[in-house]
Protein backbone atom coordinates (compact mmCIF):
# COMPACT_ATOMS: atom_id res chain seq x y z
CA MET A 1 32.27 -2.52 10.26
CA GLU A 2 30.02 -4.84 12.68
CA THR A 3 31.41 -3.08 15.75
CA ALA A 4 30.65 0.29 14.45
CA ILE A 5 27.27 -0.53 13.52
CA TYR A 6 26.69 -2.27 17.11
CA TYR A 7 27.76 0.95 18.73
CA LEU A 8 25.63 3.13 16.31
CA ILE A 9 22.67 0.90 17.60
CA ILE A 10 23.50 1.37 21.20
CA GLY A 11 23.86 4.98 20.56
CA ILE A 12 20.46 5.42 18.83
CA VAL A 13 18.72 3.60 21.83
CA ILE A 14 20.33 5.79 24.39
CA LEU A 15 19.73 9.11 22.57
CA ASP A 16 16.21 8.29 21.64
CA PHE A 17 15.49 7.37 25.27
CA LEU A 18 17.32 10.58 26.55
CA PHE A 19 15.56 12.63 24.13
CA GLU A 20 11.91 11.36 25.02
CA GLY A 21 12.78 11.79 28.48
CA VAL A 22 13.63 15.36 28.42
CA LEU A 23 10.57 16.04 26.41
CA ASP A 24 8.45 14.18 29.13
CA TYR A 25 10.30 16.00 31.98
CA LEU A 26 9.62 19.50 30.15
CA ASN A 27 6.23 18.40 29.77
CA MET A 28 5.61 17.63 33.50
CA LYS A 29 7.42 20.76 34.56
CA HIS A 30 5.16 22.74 32.39
CA PHE A 31 2.11 21.65 34.26
CA SER A 32 0.58 24.76 35.72
CA PRO A 33 -1.88 25.01 38.80
CA ILE A 34 -3.24 28.19 37.21
CA ILE A 35 -6.00 27.95 34.74
CA PRO A 36 -4.88 29.39 31.43
CA ASN A 37 -6.47 32.91 30.83
CA ASP A 38 -8.14 31.63 27.62
CA LEU A 39 -10.27 29.17 29.67
CA GLU A 40 -11.05 31.21 32.88
CA GLY A 41 -14.59 30.90 33.77
CA ILE A 42 -15.06 28.00 31.44
CA TYR A 43 -12.83 25.16 32.97
CA GLU A 44 -13.70 24.70 36.70
CA PRO A 45 -10.73 25.08 39.03
CA GLN A 46 -11.49 21.86 40.65
CA LYS A 47 -11.49 19.84 37.54
CA TYR A 48 -8.46 21.53 36.18
CA LYS A 49 -6.52 20.38 39.36
CA LYS A 50 -7.82 17.01 38.69
CA SER A 51 -6.76 16.98 35.27
CA GLN A 52 -3.13 17.94 36.59
CA ASP A 53 -3.09 15.22 38.96
CA TYR A 54 -4.18 12.85 36.38
CA LEU A 55 -1.60 13.69 33.81
CA LEU A 56 1.05 13.65 36.72
CA ALA A 57 0.16 10.26 37.69
CA ASN A 58 0.10 8.81 34.03
CA SER A 59 3.42 10.50 33.28
CA LYS A 60 5.06 8.76 36.21
CA VAL A 61 3.77 5.43 35.10
CA SER A 62 4.94 6.12 31.36
CA MET A 63 8.39 6.96 32.78
CA ILE A 64 8.85 4.00 34.83
CA SER A 65 7.59 1.86 32.24
CA SER A 66 9.79 3.42 29.43
CA THR A 67 12.81 3.22 31.56
CA ILE A 68 12.46 -0.64 32.15
CA MET A 69 11.94 -1.30 28.54
CA PHE A 70 15.00 0.75 27.78
CA LEU A 71 17.21 -0.93 30.27
CA ALA A 72 15.89 -4.54 29.24
CA LEU A 73 16.70 -3.41 25.52
CA ILE A 74 20.29 -2.18 26.60
CA VAL A 75 21.14 -5.42 28.42
CA VAL A 76 20.03 -7.48 25.71
CA LEU A 77 22.24 -5.60 23.38
CA LEU A 78 25.09 -5.79 25.78
CA VAL A 79 24.72 -9.60 26.24
CA ASN A 80 24.19 -10.59 22.63
CA GLY A 81 20.66 -11.66 23.51
CA PHE A 82 19.35 -11.45 20.21
CA ALA A 83 22.01 -13.53 18.87
CA TRP A 84 21.07 -16.10 21.45
CA LEU A 85 17.60 -16.08 20.26
CA ASP A 86 18.64 -16.64 16.75
CA THR A 87 20.55 -19.81 17.93
CA ILE A 88 17.23 -20.95 19.90
CA SER A 89 15.19 -20.02 16.60
CA ARG A 90 17.45 -22.09 14.42
CA THR A 91 17.36 -24.86 16.73
CA LEU A 92 13.65 -25.04 17.03
CA SER A 93 13.09 -24.98 13.21
CA PRO A 94 15.04 -25.29 10.02
CA ASN A 95 12.29 -23.32 8.10
CA LEU A 96 13.08 -19.80 7.28
CA TYR A 97 9.67 -18.46 7.85
CA LEU A 98 8.96 -20.50 10.84
CA ARG A 99 12.12 -19.08 12.57
CA THR A 100 10.98 -15.47 11.88
CA ILE A 101 7.68 -16.26 13.63
CA ILE A 102 9.47 -17.80 16.43
CA PHE A 103 12.10 -15.09 16.74
CA PHE A 104 9.38 -12.15 16.80
CA GLY A 105 6.87 -14.28 18.78
CA ILE A 106 9.41 -14.64 21.65
CA LEU A 107 10.30 -10.87 21.54
CA GLY A 108 6.66 -9.84 21.59
CA LEU A 109 5.83 -12.42 24.25
CA ALA A 110 8.82 -10.92 26.30
CA SER A 111 7.65 -7.18 25.50
CA THR A 112 4.11 -8.18 26.77
CA ILE A 113 5.23 -9.60 30.01
CA LEU A 114 7.36 -6.48 30.73
CA SER A 115 4.52 -4.29 30.11
CA LEU A 116 1.63 -6.05 31.43
CA PRO A 117 2.14 -4.90 35.20
CA PHE A 118 2.06 -1.28 34.07
CA GLU A 119 -0.90 -1.87 31.75
CA ILE A 120 -2.70 -3.38 34.87
CA TYR A 121 -1.85 -0.58 37.01
CA SER A 122 -2.66 2.12 34.67
CA THR A 123 -6.05 0.51 34.06
CA PHE A 124 -6.95 -0.68 37.70
CA VAL A 125 -5.12 1.97 39.57
CA VAL A 126 -4.77 5.34 37.85
CA GLU A 127 -7.86 5.17 35.59
CA GLU A 128 -9.88 3.72 38.61
CA LYS A 129 -8.62 6.44 41.03
CA PHE A 130 -9.78 9.13 38.47
CA GLU A 131 -13.16 7.54 37.70
CA PHE A 132 -12.30 6.50 34.19
CA ASN A 133 -12.24 2.79 34.26
CA LYS A 134 -15.29 0.63 33.60
CA THR A 135 -13.12 -2.47 32.59
CA THR A 136 -13.51 -5.64 34.67
CA THR A 137 -10.71 -8.27 35.09
CA LYS A 138 -12.60 -10.66 32.88
CA THR A 139 -12.91 -7.93 30.03
CA PHE A 140 -9.04 -7.07 30.60
CA VAL A 141 -7.92 -10.67 30.15
CA ILE A 142 -10.21 -11.49 27.15
CA ASP A 143 -8.96 -8.35 25.33
CA LYS A 144 -5.30 -9.13 26.11
CA ILE A 145 -5.72 -12.70 24.57
CA LYS A 146 -7.54 -11.25 21.52
CA SER A 147 -4.87 -8.80 20.94
CA LEU A 148 -2.19 -11.15 21.18
CA LEU A 149 -4.05 -13.21 18.75
CA LEU A 150 -4.73 -10.64 16.30
CA GLY A 151 -1.06 -9.40 16.58
CA LEU A 152 0.00 -12.94 15.80
CA ILE A 153 -2.29 -13.44 12.84
CA LEU A 154 -2.11 -10.04 11.31
CA GLY A 155 1.47 -9.05 12.37
CA GLY A 156 2.74 -12.54 11.78
CA GLY A 157 0.97 -12.56 8.19
CA VAL A 158 2.58 -9.19 7.25
CA LEU A 159 5.89 -10.32 8.48
CA LEU A 160 5.69 -13.35 6.49
CA PHE A 161 4.74 -11.58 3.29
CA ILE A 162 7.67 -9.15 3.67
CA GLN A 163 10.12 -12.05 4.15
CA TRP A 164 8.45 -13.82 1.04
CA ALA A 165 8.71 -10.60 -0.97
CA TYR A 166 12.41 -10.25 -0.16
CA ILE A 167 13.28 -13.91 -0.93
CA LYS A 168 11.25 -14.29 -4.12
CA GLY A 169 11.13 -10.55 -5.22
CA GLY A 170 14.95 -9.64 -5.56
CA HIS A 171 15.34 -6.00 -6.82
CA ALA A 172 11.60 -5.44 -7.03
CA PHE A 173 11.40 -6.44 -3.33
CA TRP A 174 10.31 -3.22 -2.00
CA ILE A 175 7.92 -2.42 -4.95
CA ILE A 176 6.17 -5.56 -4.38
CA THR A 177 5.85 -4.92 -0.58
CA ILE A 178 4.56 -1.38 -0.88
CA LEU A 179 2.03 -2.65 -3.16
CA GLY A 180 0.91 -5.53 -0.73
CA ILE A 181 1.19 -3.40 2.45
CA GLY A 182 -0.56 -0.70 0.69
CA LEU A 183 -3.55 -3.14 -0.23
CA ILE A 184 -3.72 -4.21 3.38
CA MET A 185 -3.87 -0.52 4.49
CA ILE A 186 -6.65 0.19 2.33
CA PHE A 187 -8.52 -3.05 3.12
CA MET A 188 -8.19 -2.12 6.77
CA ALA A 189 -9.25 1.28 6.36
CA MET A 190 -12.54 0.00 4.49
CA PHE A 191 -13.26 -3.05 6.71
CA TYR A 192 -11.86 -2.34 10.11
CA THR A 193 -15.26 -1.50 11.63
CA SER A 194 -16.95 -4.48 10.10
CA LEU A 195 -14.15 -6.99 10.99
CA ILE A 196 -12.28 -5.79 13.87
CA VAL A 197 -14.50 -3.54 15.94
CA PRO A 198 -17.08 -6.26 16.83
CA LEU A 199 -14.27 -8.61 18.26
CA PHE A 200 -14.25 -6.12 21.13
CA ASN A 201 -17.50 -4.06 21.21
CA LYS A 202 -20.92 -4.07 20.10
CA LEU A 203 -22.27 -1.87 17.39
CA GLN A 204 -25.98 -0.76 17.46
CA PRO A 205 -27.63 1.29 14.84
CA LEU A 206 -28.48 4.90 16.10
CA GLU A 207 -32.01 4.91 16.73
CA ASP A 208 -34.37 7.37 14.89
CA GLY A 209 -34.90 10.63 16.84
CA PRO A 210 -33.56 14.22 17.05
CA LEU A 211 -29.91 13.34 16.82
CA LYS A 212 -30.00 10.88 13.81
CA THR A 213 -32.24 13.47 11.88
CA ALA A 214 -29.74 16.36 12.94
CA ILE A 215 -26.63 14.24 11.64
CA GLN A 216 -28.41 13.37 8.40
CA THR A 217 -29.75 16.95 7.79
CA PHE A 218 -26.18 18.47 8.18
CA ALA A 219 -24.70 15.47 6.06
CA ASP A 220 -27.31 16.27 3.21
CA LYS A 221 -26.46 19.90 3.46
CA THR A 222 -22.82 19.29 2.89
CA GLY A 223 -23.28 16.80 0.27
CA PHE A 224 -21.87 14.00 2.33
CA THR A 225 -23.39 10.52 1.86
CA ILE A 226 -23.68 8.59 5.21
CA ARG A 227 -24.10 5.02 4.80
CA ASP A 228 -24.71 4.01 8.48
CA ILE A 229 -24.67 5.53 11.77
CA TYR A 230 -23.86 3.29 14.83
CA VAL A 231 -23.50 3.73 18.74
CA MET A 232 -20.69 1.51 20.23
CA ASN A 233 -20.61 0.65 23.89
CA GLY A 234 -17.22 2.41 24.60
CA SER A 235 -18.78 2.62 28.28
CA LYS A 236 -17.91 -1.25 28.52
CA ARG A 237 -14.21 0.03 29.23
CA SER A 238 -13.98 3.68 29.99
CA THR A 239 -16.10 6.72 30.56
CA LYS A 240 -13.89 8.45 27.82
CA ALA A 241 -15.68 9.58 24.75
CA ASN A 242 -14.83 9.34 20.95
CA ALA A 243 -16.29 9.36 17.64
CA TYR A 244 -15.02 8.21 14.22
CA PHE A 245 -15.46 7.81 10.44
CA SER A 246 -14.93 4.59 8.82
CA GLY A 247 -14.72 3.63 5.38
CA LEU A 248 -13.24 4.93 1.99
CA GLY A 249 -15.29 6.00 -1.34
CA PRO A 250 -18.47 7.59 -1.48
CA LYS A 251 -20.32 6.19 1.56
CA LYS A 252 -19.15 6.29 5.19
CA LYS A 253 -19.94 4.83 8.55
CA ILE A 254 -20.30 7.12 11.39
CA ILE A 255 -19.15 5.43 14.88
CA LEU A 256 -20.48 7.27 17.96
CA TYR A 257 -19.23 6.32 21.38
CA ASP A 258 -22.23 5.87 23.99
CA THR A 259 -20.21 8.09 26.30
CA LEU A 260 -20.10 10.60 23.65
CA ILE A 261 -23.98 10.79 23.52
CA ASP A 262 -24.02 11.18 27.10
CA ILE A 263 -21.57 14.13 27.39
CA LEU A 264 -22.62 16.22 24.49
CA GLU A 265 -25.87 17.81 23.08
CA SER A 266 -27.15 17.10 19.73
CA ASP A 267 -25.79 20.13 18.05
CA GLU A 268 -22.24 19.56 19.89
CA ILE A 269 -22.16 16.14 18.34
CA VAL A 270 -23.28 17.31 14.89
CA SER A 271 -20.17 19.82 15.08
CA VAL A 272 -17.84 17.24 15.84
CA LEU A 273 -19.04 15.13 12.74
CA ALA A 274 -18.79 18.48 10.80
CA HIS A 275 -15.11 18.50 11.71
CA GLU A 276 -14.92 14.84 10.52
CA ILE A 277 -16.47 15.75 7.29
CA GLY A 278 -14.12 18.57 6.79
CA HIS A 279 -11.56 15.97 6.48
CA TYR A 280 -13.26 14.08 3.88
CA LYS A 281 -14.11 17.32 1.99
CA LYS A 282 -10.66 18.61 1.98
CA LYS A 283 -9.28 15.10 0.92
CA HIS A 284 -7.14 14.90 4.08
CA ILE A 285 -7.82 11.04 4.43
CA TYR A 286 -6.35 10.53 0.78
CA LYS A 287 -3.51 13.01 1.36
CA GLY A 288 -2.68 11.18 4.57
CA LEU A 289 -2.66 8.03 2.72
CA GLY A 290 -0.41 9.20 0.34
CA LEU A 291 2.14 10.69 2.58
CA SER A 292 2.02 7.32 4.28
CA PHE A 293 2.72 5.37 1.01
CA LEU A 294 5.56 7.73 0.49
CA GLN A 295 6.95 7.14 4.02
CA LEU A 296 6.53 3.38 3.53
CA GLY A 297 8.41 3.43 0.16
CA ILE A 298 11.40 5.29 1.67
CA MET A 299 11.46 2.84 4.55
CA LEU A 300 10.98 -0.34 2.21
CA PHE A 301 13.53 0.88 0.04
CA LEU A 302 16.28 1.35 2.75
CA LEU A 303 14.82 -2.11 4.25
CA TRP A 304 15.70 -3.98 1.20
CA TRP A 305 19.21 -2.35 1.21
CA THR A 306 19.68 -3.28 4.61
CA LEU A 307 18.49 -7.11 4.37
CA GLY A 308 21.16 -7.35 1.72
CA ASN A 309 23.91 -6.88 3.77
CA PRO A 310 24.51 -9.55 6.54
CA VAL A 311 26.88 -7.05 8.36
CA PHE A 312 23.68 -5.69 10.30
CA SER A 313 22.73 -9.24 11.56
CA LEU A 314 26.43 -9.71 12.66
CA ALA A 315 26.46 -6.34 14.40
CA LEU A 316 24.03 -7.88 16.71
CA GLY A 317 26.37 -10.84 17.63
CA ALA A 318 25.01 -13.26 15.26
CA LYS A 319 27.27 -16.01 13.31
CA GLN A 320 25.50 -15.59 10.00
CA GLY A 321 22.89 -13.12 8.58
CA SER A 322 19.20 -13.62 8.70
CA PHE A 323 16.05 -11.92 7.64
CA TYR A 324 14.75 -11.28 11.26
CA LEU A 325 17.83 -10.00 12.66
CA GLY A 326 18.31 -7.57 9.65
CA LEU A 327 15.01 -6.45 10.16
CA LEU A 328 15.35 -5.91 13.91
CA ALA A 329 18.70 -3.99 13.31
CA PHE A 330 17.04 -1.94 10.61
CA GLY A 331 14.04 -1.08 12.99
CA ILE A 332 16.49 0.60 15.37
CA LEU A 333 18.79 2.22 12.88
CA TYR A 334 15.68 3.66 11.31
CA THR A 335 14.51 5.46 14.36
CA PRO A 336 16.05 8.84 13.58
CA ILE A 337 14.75 8.97 10.20
CA SER A 338 11.16 7.86 11.45
CA PHE A 339 11.51 10.58 13.90
CA LEU A 340 12.06 13.23 11.28
CA LEU A 341 9.34 11.98 9.13
CA GLY A 342 7.07 11.78 12.18
CA ILE A 343 7.63 15.69 12.58
CA VAL A 344 6.83 16.10 9.12
CA MET A 345 3.54 14.05 9.44
CA ASN A 346 2.56 15.74 12.63
CA ILE A 347 2.77 19.34 10.91
CA PHE A 348 0.66 18.29 8.08
CA SER A 349 -1.79 16.67 10.58
CA ARG A 350 -2.00 19.81 12.88
CA LYS A 351 -2.63 21.74 9.74
CA HIS A 352 -5.44 19.53 8.55
CA GLU A 353 -7.09 19.62 11.92
CA TYR A 354 -7.24 23.52 11.55
CA GLN A 355 -8.77 23.31 8.26
CA ALA A 356 -11.44 20.72 9.52
CA ASP A 357 -12.31 23.09 12.21
CA ASN A 358 -12.53 25.83 9.51
CA PHE A 359 -15.01 23.72 7.54
CA ALA A 360 -17.24 23.41 10.61
CA ALA A 361 -17.21 27.15 11.33
CA GLN A 362 -18.17 27.87 7.81
CA TYR A 363 -21.28 25.80 8.39
CA LYS A 364 -21.70 27.92 11.46
CA MET A 365 -20.94 24.95 13.74
CA GLY A 366 -17.87 26.78 15.15
CA GLY A 367 -19.14 27.95 18.38
CA ASN A 368 -20.73 24.28 19.02
CA LEU A 369 -17.38 22.84 18.24
CA ILE A 370 -15.69 24.98 20.80
CA GLU A 371 -18.01 23.94 23.28
CA SER A 372 -17.78 20.21 22.46
CA LEU A 373 -13.88 20.43 22.63
CA ILE A 374 -14.01 21.87 25.80
CA LYS A 375 -16.28 19.27 27.19
CA LEU A 376 -14.40 16.45 25.82
CA SER A 377 -11.33 17.87 27.06
CA GLU A 378 -12.78 18.28 30.70
CA SER A 379 -14.29 14.83 30.74
CA SER A 380 -11.09 13.06 29.53
CA LEU A 381 -8.89 15.36 31.86
CA SER A 382 -6.83 16.40 28.94
CA ASN A 383 -3.48 18.37 29.18
CA LEU A 384 -4.41 21.84 28.54
CA THR A 385 -0.79 23.28 28.83
CA PRO A 386 1.59 20.91 27.15
CA HIS A 387 5.07 22.21 26.75
CA PRO A 388 5.39 23.60 23.11
CA ALA A 389 8.40 21.39 22.49
CA TYR A 390 6.42 18.49 23.34
CA VAL A 391 3.56 19.72 21.16
CA PHE A 392 5.77 19.97 18.12
CA PHE A 393 7.27 16.77 18.53
CA ASN A 394 4.49 14.55 19.53
CA TYR A 395 1.09 16.20 18.83
CA SER A 396 -0.76 15.38 15.62
CA HIS A 397 -3.42 17.77 16.87
CA PRO A 398 -3.25 21.30 17.95
CA THR A 399 -3.89 22.00 21.59
CA LEU A 400 -7.23 22.90 22.91
CA ILE A 401 -6.31 26.50 23.36
CA GLN A 402 -4.87 26.64 19.87
CA ARG A 403 -8.14 25.46 18.29
CA ARG A 404 -10.17 27.65 20.26
CA LYS A 405 -8.40 30.60 19.35
CA ALA A 406 -8.32 29.71 15.67
CA ILE A 407 -12.00 29.03 15.55
CA LYS A 408 -13.01 32.30 17.18
CA GLU A 409 -10.77 34.18 14.55
CA ARG A 410 -12.56 32.46 11.93
CA LEU A 411 -15.93 33.09 13.33
CA ASN A 412 -15.06 36.76 13.69
CA GLN A 413 -13.77 36.85 10.15
CA TYR A 414 -16.99 35.20 8.99
CA GLU A 415 -19.35 37.80 10.78
CA GLU A 416 -17.14 40.73 9.30
CA GLU A 417 -17.87 39.40 5.65
């Protein structure tokens, strides 16, 4: 049985890598030097070519990085490296919880070391070449240290909670765990901007002026209550722009990147926020949380069953079962299920994006939203011609061309009505 599971694990790792590789290859081959007809006269040819060069450069780095990570994982599996790490963890501590931290801590450190050269190259070579990078060496190092510490504290805390629930919870493990992780998810959704963001960026209240007035006027028109509007110094690291809402319940915070304010006009920024308000009005946030809880429940139920069978730890070469080896084996074996659930989540997400765009169009912001999407795509050199298969499996948002077409059709419909 252990041998069958061992080969199943290796098979899943190989098939997952090959499938993602095929998708990446199809996507790269789908790059076109010709501007799509829908964007002729809007997207400058020189800028379009630059986007293709940027995408190609990023794709090459990603493929090399994923290949090295894949080969490293295969080698570790073939030489029973996880069993060796299990022995080290047991030697270093007799405590069950501390052994889990040691085991995943070493794995996390090894993964960081392998991926770090590619992060450095991507940031200081690729992003620099295409005039996106604003990150200094000091900022990069500090960010990495903070991220590792946060990963240790938050990730380690969740790991220990799951292990505690498994040891103490018995048959109620998956129920206890879903409730605990659910509370953590809700807590992070409510307080992420207040607790985590300030560790990396500065938030300043948006100054009084035409933009703040326009945002507040539109929010009042839609019956949407805004608690605060902040500007974040995203330009500290990149010229790319973004905006998002934070918080749950009746009052929300709006976070605008300073780069967004530089790129878009006031009406265009309001249209982006109209789209986000559409998500709240259509209850997409809560629907997304519900789907996430459902997915989490399925995963934790299967995890409970897996952890109760030492054969999964033994399949990785260990001489006895352990929580962390069982969790690791489950993480790999769960990949096909996660893949299928991810497709479903992406389908719902793309549907929600269309609905949020429609909400903006209902409030006569559709034209401005189209302009903002074009400007943001152009400024970030987004892929305008992804392969349909790549979109289906990986995109949580429709493409620019798809969204533009849908918004135009909706605007025409409203004009006829």
